[in-house]
Amino acid sequence: MKHILIPTDFSSNANHAISYALQLFKYERTNFYFIHAYADEVYGPFHNENNDAFEDEKQAIEKSSENELSKLVKEIKERTQNPKHHYEAITSFESLVDAVNNFVNIKNIDLMIMGTKGKTANSKITFGSNTIQVFKYVKCPVLAIPDGYEYSQPKKILFPSDYMLPYKRRELQLLDTLAAQFKAQIFSLYISDFEDLSLRQSDNKKFLKESLPNAKLSFVIKPVENRAKAIMTYIKDNDIDLLVMVNSRHSFLEDMLYRSTIDEIGLTPTVPFLVMQNLPR
């Protein structure tokens, strides 16, 4: 049984991510948890109100959230009628990151799926601020779905790595399960001018291979250049369906996430983007 968490702000981007998730796990026994965290909606416009007015607005937003989630679950049940799927709705008076991390621990969530942007995001940016915060701080794998991406089975998966950091077995197990489910190829892209690896890199590469027994795993080396450009070029030239990267201390992804925007360095994937967390759970 899979446990999948999907945050929603009831935007078209969020609904698009939900549709992708339902397709991805169409044949799997899955618990889907739809969560709406609404603290920012209350504290933003109403933080200067008196206590009574603040509480009234909070209760009104909470009620609206509950109603919207109920409508969402009802619509999904009627549309999909999938006996393998179970749905649960959660409202939370917390920030998105806090709400998600608390729920990840309570329900032992396998994967979080969300849109790349929320309803208020600039249409010209690749990732909205909430998505970036989730990439940085949520302690479970996060799959971000670009708005407008038409669902296709992830048959070709790109996994850039420098083999410098050890992987978490649980995170790789998710990737291996996806590879097995869709008979996928995984391309491990190493961007370097040198083929020789250090002992640590060799050990990590060996662990990667051992942890993905159900994948058709290929190791690819590309010369050093702008890493974001190399990744984007490989996606385009090889019809990649899914980009996977690991967020850990001193990783390429961490470096990108702590700049002002990912767009500045050119990582603008047009395919689903799975961020695996090399963080303790």
C-alpha atoms as a PDB file:
ATOM      1  CA  MET A   1       0.000   0.000   0.000  1.00  0.00           C
ATOM      2  CA  LYS A   2       1.407   3.367  -1.067  1.00  0.00           C
ATOM      3  CA  HIS A   3       0.838   6.515   0.998  1.00  0.00           C
ATOM      4  CA  ILE A   4       0.823   9.616  -1.214  1.00  0.00           C
ATOM      5  CA  LEU A   5       0.434  13.164   0.099  1.00  0.00           C
ATOM      6  CA  ILE A   6      -0.867  15.885  -2.225  1.00  0.00           C
ATOM      7  CA  PRO A   7      -1.049  19.515  -1.055  1.00  0.00           C
ATOM      8  CA  THR A   8      -3.633  21.647  -2.807  1.00  0.00           C
ATOM      9  CA  ASP A   9      -4.530  25.315  -2.975  1.00  0.00           C
ATOM     10  CA  PHE A  10      -7.408  24.369  -5.334  1.00  0.00           C
ATOM     11  CA  SER A  11      -5.612  25.975  -8.288  1.00  0.00           C
ATOM     12  CA  SER A  12      -5.455  24.528 -11.799  1.00  0.00           C
ATOM     13  CA  ASN A  13      -1.782  23.672 -11.155  1.00  0.00           C
ATOM     14  CA  ALA A  14      -2.711  21.648  -8.070  1.00  0.00           C
ATOM     15  CA  ASN A  15      -5.552  19.895  -9.902  1.00  0.00           C
ATOM     16  CA  HIS A  16      -3.176  19.032 -12.727  1.00  0.00           C
ATOM     17  CA  ALA A  17      -0.741  17.433 -10.251  1.00  0.00           C
ATOM     18  CA  ILE A  18      -3.615  15.446  -8.721  1.00  0.00           C
ATOM     19  CA  SER A  19      -4.583  14.093 -12.151  1.00  0.00           C
ATOM     20  CA  TYR A  20      -0.972  13.042 -12.767  1.00  0.00           C
ATOM     21  CA  ALA A  21      -0.801  11.291  -9.383  1.00  0.00           C
ATOM     22  CA  LEU A  22      -4.021   9.360  -9.998  1.00  0.00           C
ATOM     23  CA  GLN A  23      -2.663   8.174 -13.343  1.00  0.00           C
ATOM     24  CA  LEU A  24       0.784   7.298 -12.001  1.00  0.00           C
ATOM     25  CA  PHE A  25      -0.672   5.003  -9.339  1.00  0.00           C
ATOM     26  CA  LYS A  26      -3.731   3.899 -11.298  1.00  0.00           C
ATOM     27  CA  TYR A  27      -3.015   0.193 -10.796  1.00  0.00           C
ATOM     28  CA  GLU A  28      -1.521   0.427  -7.294  1.00  0.00           C
ATOM     29  CA  ARG A  29      -3.323   0.129  -3.961  1.00  0.00           C
ATOM     30  CA  THR A  30      -2.866   3.680  -2.732  1.00  0.00           C
ATOM     31  CA  ASN A  31      -3.959   5.979   0.060  1.00  0.00           C
ATOM     32  CA  PHE A  32      -4.123   9.562  -1.202  1.00  0.00           C
ATOM     33  CA  TYR A  33      -4.096  12.337   1.385  1.00  0.00           C
ATOM     34  CA  PHE A  34      -5.152  15.787   0.155  1.00  0.00           C
ATOM     35  CA  ILE A  35      -3.950  18.534   2.478  1.00  0.00           C
ATOM     36  CA  HIS A  36      -4.698  22.255   2.512  1.00  0.00           C
ATOM     37  CA  ALA A  37      -2.534  24.357   4.829  1.00  0.00           C
ATOM     38  CA  TYR A  38      -4.181  27.735   5.339  1.00  0.00           C
ATOM     39  CA  ALA A  39      -2.169  29.626   7.984  1.00  0.00           C
ATOM     40  CA  ASP A  40      -0.708  32.013   5.400  1.00  0.00           C
ATOM     41  CA  GLU A  41      -4.209  32.876   4.174  1.00  0.00           C
ATOM     42  CA  VAL A  42      -5.121  33.983   7.696  1.00  0.00           C
ATOM     43  CA  TYR A  43      -1.918  35.644   8.887  1.00  0.00           C
ATOM     44  CA  GLY A  44      -1.322  37.502   5.639  1.00  0.00           C
ATOM     45  CA  PRO A  45      -4.429  39.700   5.222  1.00  0.00           C
ATOM     46  CA  PHE A  46      -5.745  39.598   8.785  1.00  0.00           C
ATOM     47  CA  HIS A  47      -2.728  39.767  11.098  1.00  0.00           C
ATOM     48  CA  ASN A  48      -3.610  43.328  12.203  1.00  0.00           C
ATOM     49  CA  GLU A  49      -7.230  42.524  13.049  1.00  0.00           C
ATOM     50  CA  ASN A  50      -8.450  42.341  16.645  1.00  0.00           C
ATOM     51  CA  ASN A  51      -8.728  38.883  18.212  1.00  0.00           C
ATOM     52  CA  ASP A  52     -12.437  38.399  17.530  1.00  0.00           C
ATOM     53  CA  ALA A  53     -12.191  39.448  13.888  1.00  0.00           C
ATOM     54  CA  PHE A  54      -9.080  37.321  13.409  1.00  0.00           C
ATOM     55  CA  GLU A  55     -10.805  34.252  14.871  1.00  0.00           C
ATOM     56  CA  ASP A  56     -13.886  34.825  12.701  1.00  0.00           C
ATOM     57  CA  GLU A  57     -11.771  34.986   9.553  1.00  0.00           C
ATOM     58  CA  LYS A  58      -9.799  31.928  10.594  1.00  0.00           C
ATOM     59  CA  GLN A  59     -12.970  29.900  11.109  1.00  0.00           C
ATOM     60  CA  ALA A  60     -14.408  31.109   7.806  1.00  0.00           C
ATOM     61  CA  ILE A  61     -11.276  30.086   5.894  1.00  0.00           C
ATOM     62  CA  GLU A  62     -11.161  26.741   7.700  1.00  0.00           C
ATOM     63  CA  LYS A  63     -14.793  26.046   6.775  1.00  0.00           C
ATOM     64  CA  SER A  64     -14.178  27.030   3.168  1.00  0.00           C
ATOM     65  CA  SER A  65     -11.126  24.746   3.058  1.00  0.00           C
ATOM     66  CA  GLU A  66     -13.108  21.800   4.421  1.00  0.00           C
ATOM     67  CA  ASN A  67     -15.877  22.375   1.872  1.00  0.00           C
ATOM     68  CA  GLU A  68     -13.442  22.630  -1.038  1.00  0.00           C
ATOM     69  CA  LEU A  69     -11.644  19.444   0.024  1.00  0.00           C
ATOM     70  CA  SER A  70     -14.950  17.569   0.360  1.00  0.00           C
ATOM     71  CA  LYS A  71     -15.944  18.672  -3.146  1.00  0.00           C
ATOM     72  CA  LEU A  72     -12.532  17.628  -4.470  1.00  0.00           C
ATOM     73  CA  VAL A  73     -12.712  14.123  -2.988  1.00  0.00           C
ATOM     74  CA  LYS A  74     -16.315  13.668  -4.182  1.00  0.00           C
ATOM     75  CA  GLU A  75     -15.400  14.725  -7.726  1.00  0.00           C
ATOM     76  CA  ILE A  76     -12.377  12.396  -7.831  1.00  0.00           C
ATOM     77  CA  LYS A  77     -14.392   9.417  -6.576  1.00  0.00           C
ATOM     78  CA  GLU A  78     -17.080   9.999  -9.202  1.00  0.00           C
ATOM     79  CA  ARG A  79     -14.568  10.554 -12.001  1.00  0.00           C
ATOM     80  CA  THR A  80     -12.148   7.704 -11.359  1.00  0.00           C
ATOM     81  CA  GLN A  81     -14.209   5.044  -9.548  1.00  0.00           C
ATOM     82  CA  ASN A  82     -10.965   3.231  -8.759  1.00  0.00           C
ATOM     83  CA  PRO A  83     -11.437   0.525  -6.090  1.00  0.00           C
ATOM     84  CA  LYS A  84      -7.678   0.452  -5.444  1.00  0.00           C
ATOM     85  CA  HIS A  85      -7.668   4.059  -4.230  1.00  0.00           C
ATOM     86  CA  HIS A  86      -8.678   5.523  -0.879  1.00  0.00           C
ATOM     87  CA  TYR A  87      -8.907   9.264  -0.228  1.00  0.00           C
ATOM     88  CA  GLU A  88      -8.610  11.395   2.888  1.00  0.00           C
ATOM     89  CA  ALA A  89      -8.871  15.180   3.259  1.00  0.00           C
ATOM     90  CA  ILE A  90      -6.938  17.232   5.823  1.00  0.00           C
ATOM     91  CA  THR A  91      -7.079  20.920   6.712  1.00  0.00           C
ATOM     92  CA  SER A  92      -4.228  22.379   8.738  1.00  0.00           C
ATOM     93  CA  PHE A  93      -3.746  25.774  10.371  1.00  0.00           C
ATOM     94  CA  GLU A  94       0.016  25.684   9.741  1.00  0.00           C
ATOM     95  CA  SER A  95       2.483  26.709   7.084  1.00  0.00           C
ATOM     96  CA  LEU A  96       2.690  24.276   4.187  1.00  0.00           C
ATOM     97  CA  VAL A  97       6.124  22.926   5.181  1.00  0.00           C
ATOM     98  CA  ASP A  98       5.163  22.419   8.846  1.00  0.00           C
ATOM     99  CA  ALA A  99       1.852  20.791   7.953  1.00  0.00           C
ATOM    100  CA  VAL A 100       3.477  18.442   5.468  1.00  0.00           C
ATOM    101  CA  ASN A 101       6.376  17.423   7.719  1.00  0.00           C
ATOM    102  CA  ASN A 102       4.021  16.658  10.603  1.00  0.00           C
ATOM    103  CA  PHE A 103       1.804  14.546   8.375  1.00  0.00           C
ATOM    104  CA  VAL A 104       4.759  12.789   6.735  1.00  0.00           C
ATOM    105  CA  ASN A 105       5.790  11.510  10.162  1.00  0.00           C
ATOM    106  CA  ILE A 106       2.275  10.554  11.280  1.00  0.00           C
ATOM    107  CA  LYS A 107       1.362   8.577   8.142  1.00  0.00           C
ATOM    108  CA  ASN A 108       4.851   7.477   7.053  1.00  0.00           C
ATOM    109  CA  ILE A 109       4.328   9.081   3.649  1.00  0.00           C
ATOM    110  CA  ASP A 110       6.144   7.499   0.683  1.00  0.00           C
ATOM    111  CA  LEU A 111       5.877  10.409  -1.735  1.00  0.00           C
ATOM    112  CA  MET A 112       4.498  13.924  -1.978  1.00  0.00           C
ATOM    113  CA  ILE A 113       3.165  15.120  -5.334  1.00  0.00           C
ATOM    114  CA  MET A 114       2.443  18.770  -6.087  1.00  0.00           C
ATOM    115  CA  GLY A 115       2.323  21.346  -8.868  1.00  0.00           C
ATOM    116  CA  THR A 116       5.402  23.386  -9.662  1.00  0.00           C
ATOM    117  CA  LYS A 117       3.484  26.583  -8.890  1.00  0.00           C
ATOM    118  CA  GLY A 118       0.498  27.728  -6.872  1.00  0.00           C
ATOM    119  CA  LYS A 119      -2.346  30.038  -7.821  1.00  0.00           C
ATOM    120  CA  THR A 120      -0.401  33.236  -7.026  1.00  0.00           C
ATOM    121  CA  ALA A 121       2.873  32.341  -8.781  1.00  0.00           C
ATOM    122  CA  ASN A 122       4.322  34.359 -11.653  1.00  0.00           C
ATOM    123  CA  SER A 123       3.613  32.517 -14.901  1.00  0.00           C
ATOM    124  CA  LYS A 124       7.173  33.234 -16.113  1.00  0.00           C
ATOM    125  CA  ILE A 125       8.923  31.330 -13.314  1.00  0.00           C
ATOM    126  CA  THR A 126       9.456  27.579 -13.246  1.00  0.00           C
ATOM    127  CA  PHE A 127       8.920  26.916  -9.534  1.00  0.00           C
ATOM    128  CA  GLY A 128       6.768  28.876  -7.107  1.00  0.00           C
ATOM    129  CA  SER A 129       8.014  29.874  -3.664  1.00  0.00           C
ATOM    130  CA  ASN A 130       6.032  27.147  -1.867  1.00  0.00           C
ATOM    131  CA  THR A 131       7.492  24.464  -4.123  1.00  0.00           C
ATOM    132  CA  ILE A 132      11.028  25.713  -3.459  1.00  0.00           C
ATOM    133  CA  GLN A 133      10.400  25.666   0.310  1.00  0.00           C
ATOM    134  CA  VAL A 134       9.073  22.122   0.060  1.00  0.00           C
ATOM    135  CA  PHE A 135      12.127  21.013  -1.940  1.00  0.00           C
ATOM    136  CA  LYS A 136      14.379  22.475   0.752  1.00  0.00           C
ATOM    137  CA  TYR A 137      12.745  21.363   3.960  1.00  0.00           C
ATOM    138  CA  VAL A 138      10.226  18.532   3.539  1.00  0.00           C
ATOM    139  CA  LYS A 139      11.610  15.210   4.730  1.00  0.00           C
ATOM    140  CA  CYS A 140      10.171  12.913   2.070  1.00  0.00           C
ATOM    141  CA  PRO A 141      10.535  12.600  -1.705  1.00  0.00           C
ATOM    142  CA  VAL A 142       8.709  15.343  -3.615  1.00  0.00           C
ATOM    143  CA  LEU A 143       7.467  15.006  -7.190  1.00  0.00           C
ATOM    144  CA  ALA A 144       6.672  18.350  -8.859  1.00  0.00           C
ATOM    145  CA  ILE A 145       4.517  18.326 -11.991  1.00  0.00           C
ATOM    146  CA  PRO A 146       4.851  21.186 -14.509  1.00  0.00           C
ATOM    147  CA  ASP A 147       1.555  22.801 -15.420  1.00  0.00           C
ATOM    148  CA  GLY A 148       0.411  21.623 -18.827  1.00  0.00           C
ATOM    149  CA  TYR A 149       2.574  18.483 -18.832  1.00  0.00           C
ATOM    150  CA  GLU A 150       0.581  15.696 -20.480  1.00  0.00           C
ATOM    151  CA  TYR A 151       0.798  12.455 -18.546  1.00  0.00           C
ATOM    152  CA  SER A 152       3.034   9.765 -19.973  1.00  0.00           C
ATOM    153  CA  GLN A 153       4.484   6.772 -18.206  1.00  0.00           C
ATOM    154  CA  PRO A 154       8.006   7.486 -16.909  1.00  0.00           C
ATOM    155  CA  LYS A 155       9.863   5.131 -19.236  1.00  0.00           C
ATOM    156  CA  LYS A 156      13.074   7.188 -19.368  1.00  0.00           C
ATOM    157  CA  ILE A 157      14.395   8.584 -16.099  1.00  0.00           C
ATOM    158  CA  LEU A 158      17.392  10.910 -15.774  1.00  0.00           C
ATOM    159  CA  PHE A 159      19.306  10.760 -12.479  1.00  0.00           C
ATOM    160  CA  PRO A 160      22.308  13.151 -12.448  1.00  0.00           C
ATOM    161  CA  SER A 161      24.882  12.309  -9.781  1.00  0.00           C
ATOM    162  CA  ASP A 162      28.492  13.001  -8.905  1.00  0.00           C
ATOM    163  CA  TYR A 163      28.570   9.869  -6.665  1.00  0.00           C
ATOM    164  CA  MET A 164      30.099  11.948  -3.874  1.00  0.00           C
ATOM    165  CA  LEU A 165      27.290  11.537  -1.349  1.00  0.00           C
ATOM    166  CA  PRO A 166      25.788   8.320   0.018  1.00  0.00           C
ATOM    167  CA  TYR A 167      22.175   7.577  -0.851  1.00  0.00           C
ATOM    168  CA  LYS A 168      19.305   6.624   1.426  1.00  0.00           C
ATOM    169  CA  ARG A 169      18.083   3.104   0.691  1.00  0.00           C
ATOM    170  CA  ARG A 170      14.444   4.098   1.246  1.00  0.00           C
ATOM    171  CA  GLU A 171      14.640   6.860  -1.351  1.00  0.00           C
ATOM    172  CA  LEU A 172      16.237   4.570  -3.927  1.00  0.00           C
ATOM    173  CA  GLN A 173      13.597   1.936  -3.206  1.00  0.00           C
ATOM    174  CA  LEU A 174      10.936   4.377  -4.406  1.00  0.00           C
ATOM    175  CA  LEU A 175      12.887   4.937  -7.617  1.00  0.00           C
ATOM    176  CA  ASP A 176      13.374   1.194  -8.097  1.00  0.00           C
ATOM    177  CA  THR A 177       9.644   0.591  -7.592  1.00  0.00           C
ATOM    178  CA  LEU A 178       8.790   3.156 -10.268  1.00  0.00           C
ATOM    179  CA  ALA A 179      11.343   1.614 -12.624  1.00  0.00           C
ATOM    180  CA  ALA A 180       9.890  -1.856 -12.073  1.00  0.00           C
ATOM    181  CA  GLN A 181       6.304  -0.662 -12.482  1.00  0.00           C
ATOM    182  CA  PHE A 182       6.954   1.035 -15.819  1.00  0.00           C
ATOM    183  CA  LYS A 183       9.895  -1.079 -17.062  1.00  0.00           C
ATOM    184  CA  ALA A 184      11.881   2.140 -17.122  1.00  0.00           C
ATOM    185  CA  GLN A 185      15.422   2.974 -18.134  1.00  0.00           C
ATOM    186  CA  ILE A 186      17.409   5.043 -15.640  1.00  0.00           C
ATOM    187  CA  PHE A 187      20.304   7.103 -16.961  1.00  0.00           C
ATOM    188  CA  SER A 188      22.794   8.018 -14.239  1.00  0.00           C
ATOM    189  CA  LEU A 189      24.456  11.139 -15.615  1.00  0.00           C
ATOM    190  CA  TYR A 190      27.950  11.942 -14.323  1.00  0.00           C
ATOM    191  CA  ILE A 191      29.191  15.351 -15.490  1.00  0.00           C
ATOM    192  CA  SER A 192      32.983  15.228 -15.415  1.00  0.00           C
ATOM    193  CA  ASP A 193      36.076  15.395 -17.602  1.00  0.00           C
ATOM    194  CA  PHE A 194      37.508  12.345 -15.840  1.00  0.00           C
ATOM    195  CA  GLU A 195      36.229   8.782 -15.906  1.00  0.00           C
ATOM    196  CA  ASP A 196      38.242   7.671 -12.877  1.00  0.00           C
ATOM    197  CA  LEU A 197      36.337   7.718  -9.586  1.00  0.00           C
ATOM    198  CA  SER A 198      37.587   8.002  -6.033  1.00  0.00           C
ATOM    199  CA  LEU A 199      37.064   5.089  -3.651  1.00  0.00           C
ATOM    200  CA  ARG A 200      34.105   6.882  -2.078  1.00  0.00           C
ATOM    201  CA  GLN A 201      32.549   7.587  -5.461  1.00  0.00           C
ATOM    202  CA  SER A 202      33.041   3.973  -6.526  1.00  0.00           C
ATOM    203  CA  ASP A 203      31.358   2.712  -3.353  1.00  0.00           C
ATOM    204  CA  ASN A 204      28.394   5.037  -3.813  1.00  0.00           C
ATOM    205  CA  LYS A 205      28.056   4.085  -7.469  1.00  0.00           C
ATOM    206  CA  LYS A 206      28.109   0.397  -6.511  1.00  0.00           C
ATOM    207  CA  PHE A 207      25.434   1.004  -3.850  1.00  0.00           C
ATOM    208  CA  LEU A 208      23.311   2.808  -6.440  1.00  0.00           C
ATOM    209  CA  LYS A 209      23.528  -0.146  -8.808  1.00  0.00           C
ATOM    210  CA  GLU A 210      22.727  -2.668  -6.057  1.00  0.00           C
ATOM    211  CA  SER A 211      19.742  -0.604  -4.891  1.00  0.00           C
ATOM    212  CA  LEU A 212      18.111  -0.441  -8.330  1.00  0.00           C
ATOM    213  CA  PRO A 213      17.864  -4.129  -9.304  1.00  0.00           C
ATOM    214  CA  ASN A 214      14.615  -3.662 -11.250  1.00  0.00           C
ATOM    215  CA  ALA A 215      15.842  -0.765 -13.367  1.00  0.00           C
ATOM    216  CA  LYS A 216      17.555  -0.857 -16.720  1.00  0.00           C
ATOM    217  CA  LEU A 217      20.425   1.233 -15.388  1.00  0.00           C
ATOM    218  CA  SER A 218      22.917   2.999 -17.654  1.00  0.00           C
ATOM    219  CA  PHE A 219      25.888   5.089 -16.550  1.00  0.00           C
ATOM    220  CA  VAL A 220      26.578   8.105 -18.749  1.00  0.00           C
ATOM    221  CA  ILE A 221      29.512  10.541 -18.602  1.00  0.00           C
ATOM    222  CA  LYS A 222      29.343  14.044 -20.049  1.00  0.00           C
ATOM    223  CA  PRO A 223      32.217  16.581 -20.113  1.00  0.00           C
ATOM    224  CA  VAL A 224      32.136  19.411 -17.593  1.00  0.00           C
ATOM    225  CA  GLU A 225      30.082  22.422 -18.617  1.00  0.00           C
ATOM    226  CA  ASN A 226      27.221  24.335 -17.066  1.00  0.00           C
ATOM    227  CA  ARG A 227      25.562  21.512 -15.145  1.00  0.00           C
ATOM    228  CA  ALA A 228      22.038  22.831 -15.492  1.00  0.00           C
ATOM    229  CA  LYS A 229      22.530  23.195 -19.251  1.00  0.00           C
ATOM    230  CA  ALA A 230      23.938  19.650 -19.500  1.00  0.00           C
ATOM    231  CA  ILE A 231      20.900  18.280 -17.662  1.00  0.00           C
ATOM    232  CA  MET A 232      18.407  20.229 -19.777  1.00  0.00           C
ATOM    233  CA  THR A 233      20.147  19.209 -23.006  1.00  0.00           C
ATOM    234  CA  TYR A 234      20.101  15.539 -22.014  1.00  0.00           C
ATOM    235  CA  ILE A 235      16.386  15.738 -21.196  1.00  0.00           C
ATOM    236  CA  LYS A 236      15.616  17.215 -24.606  1.00  0.00           C
ATOM    237  CA  ASP A 237      17.931  15.014 -26.688  1.00  0.00           C
ATOM    238  CA  ASN A 238      16.847  11.745 -25.065  1.00  0.00           C
ATOM    239  CA  ASP A 239      13.092  12.281 -24.568  1.00  0.00           C
ATOM    240  CA  ILE A 240      13.385  11.986 -20.791  1.00  0.00           C
ATOM    241  CA  ASP A 241      10.066  11.561 -18.923  1.00  0.00           C
ATOM    242  CA  LEU A 242      11.258  12.172 -15.355  1.00  0.00           C
ATOM    243  CA  LEU A 243      14.155  14.087 -13.788  1.00  0.00           C
ATOM    244  CA  VAL A 244      15.401  12.828 -10.407  1.00  0.00           C
ATOM    245  CA  MET A 245      17.837  14.651  -8.123  1.00  0.00           C
ATOM    246  CA  VAL A 246      18.899  14.274  -4.497  1.00  0.00           C
ATOM    247  CA  ASN A 247      18.772  17.165  -2.045  1.00  0.00           C
ATOM    248  CA  SER A 248      21.533  16.825   0.533  1.00  0.00           C
ATOM    249  CA  ARG A 249      24.179  19.010   2.107  1.00  0.00           C
ATOM    250  CA  HIS A 250      26.754  20.288  -0.398  1.00  0.00           C
ATOM    251  CA  SER A 251      24.881  18.780  -3.356  1.00  0.00           C
ATOM    252  CA  PHE A 252      24.363  20.501  -6.710  1.00  0.00           C
ATOM    253  CA  LEU A 253      20.637  20.710  -5.996  1.00  0.00           C
ATOM    254  CA  GLU A 254      21.151  22.276  -2.567  1.00  0.00           C
ATOM    255  CA  ASP A 255      23.372  24.903  -4.169  1.00  0.00           C
ATOM    256  CA  MET A 256      20.602  25.713  -6.641  1.00  0.00           C
ATOM    257  CA  LEU A 257      17.852  25.824  -4.027  1.00  0.00           C
ATOM    258  CA  TYR A 258      19.703  28.365  -1.923  1.00  0.00           C
ATOM    259  CA  ARG A 259      20.151  30.807  -4.764  1.00  0.00           C
ATOM    260  CA  SER A 260      17.400  33.354  -5.276  1.00  0.00           C
ATOM    261  CA  THR A 261      15.712  31.305  -7.998  1.00  0.00           C
ATOM    262  CA  ILE A 262      16.441  28.072  -9.819  1.00  0.00           C
ATOM    263  CA  ASP A 263      15.645  29.893 -13.067  1.00  0.00           C
ATOM    264  CA  GLU A 264      18.784  32.029 -12.654  1.00  0.00           C
ATOM    265  CA  ILE A 265      21.029  29.061 -13.317  1.00  0.00           C
ATOM    266  CA  GLY A 266      18.877  27.588 -16.052  1.00  0.00           C
ATOM    267  CA  LEU A 267      17.328  24.479 -14.476  1.00  0.00           C
ATOM    268  CA  THR A 268      13.835  24.760 -15.926  1.00  0.00           C
ATOM    269  CA  PRO A 269      12.615  21.195 -16.482  1.00  0.00           C
ATOM    270  CA  THR A 270       9.533  20.689 -18.613  1.00  0.00           C
ATOM    271  CA  VAL A 271       9.110  17.142 -17.294  1.00  0.00           C
ATOM    272  CA  PRO A 272       8.118  15.951 -13.794  1.00  0.00           C
ATOM    273  CA  PHE A 273      10.896  16.575 -11.266  1.00  0.00           C
ATOM    274  CA  LEU A 274      11.427  14.132  -8.390  1.00  0.00           C
ATOM    275  CA  VAL A 275      13.497  15.518  -5.511  1.00  0.00           C
ATOM    276  CA  MET A 276      14.702  12.826  -3.126  1.00  0.00           C
ATOM    277  CA  GLN A 277      15.767  13.882   0.347  1.00  0.00           C
ATOM    278  CA  ASN A 278      19.008  12.651   1.837  1.00  0.00           C
ATOM    279  CA  LEU A 279      17.750  13.785   5.242  1.00  0.00           C
ATOM    280  CA  PRO A 280      17.026  11.803   8.430  1.00  0.00           C
ATOM    281  CA  ARG A 281      13.427  10.619   8.898  1.00  0.00           C
END
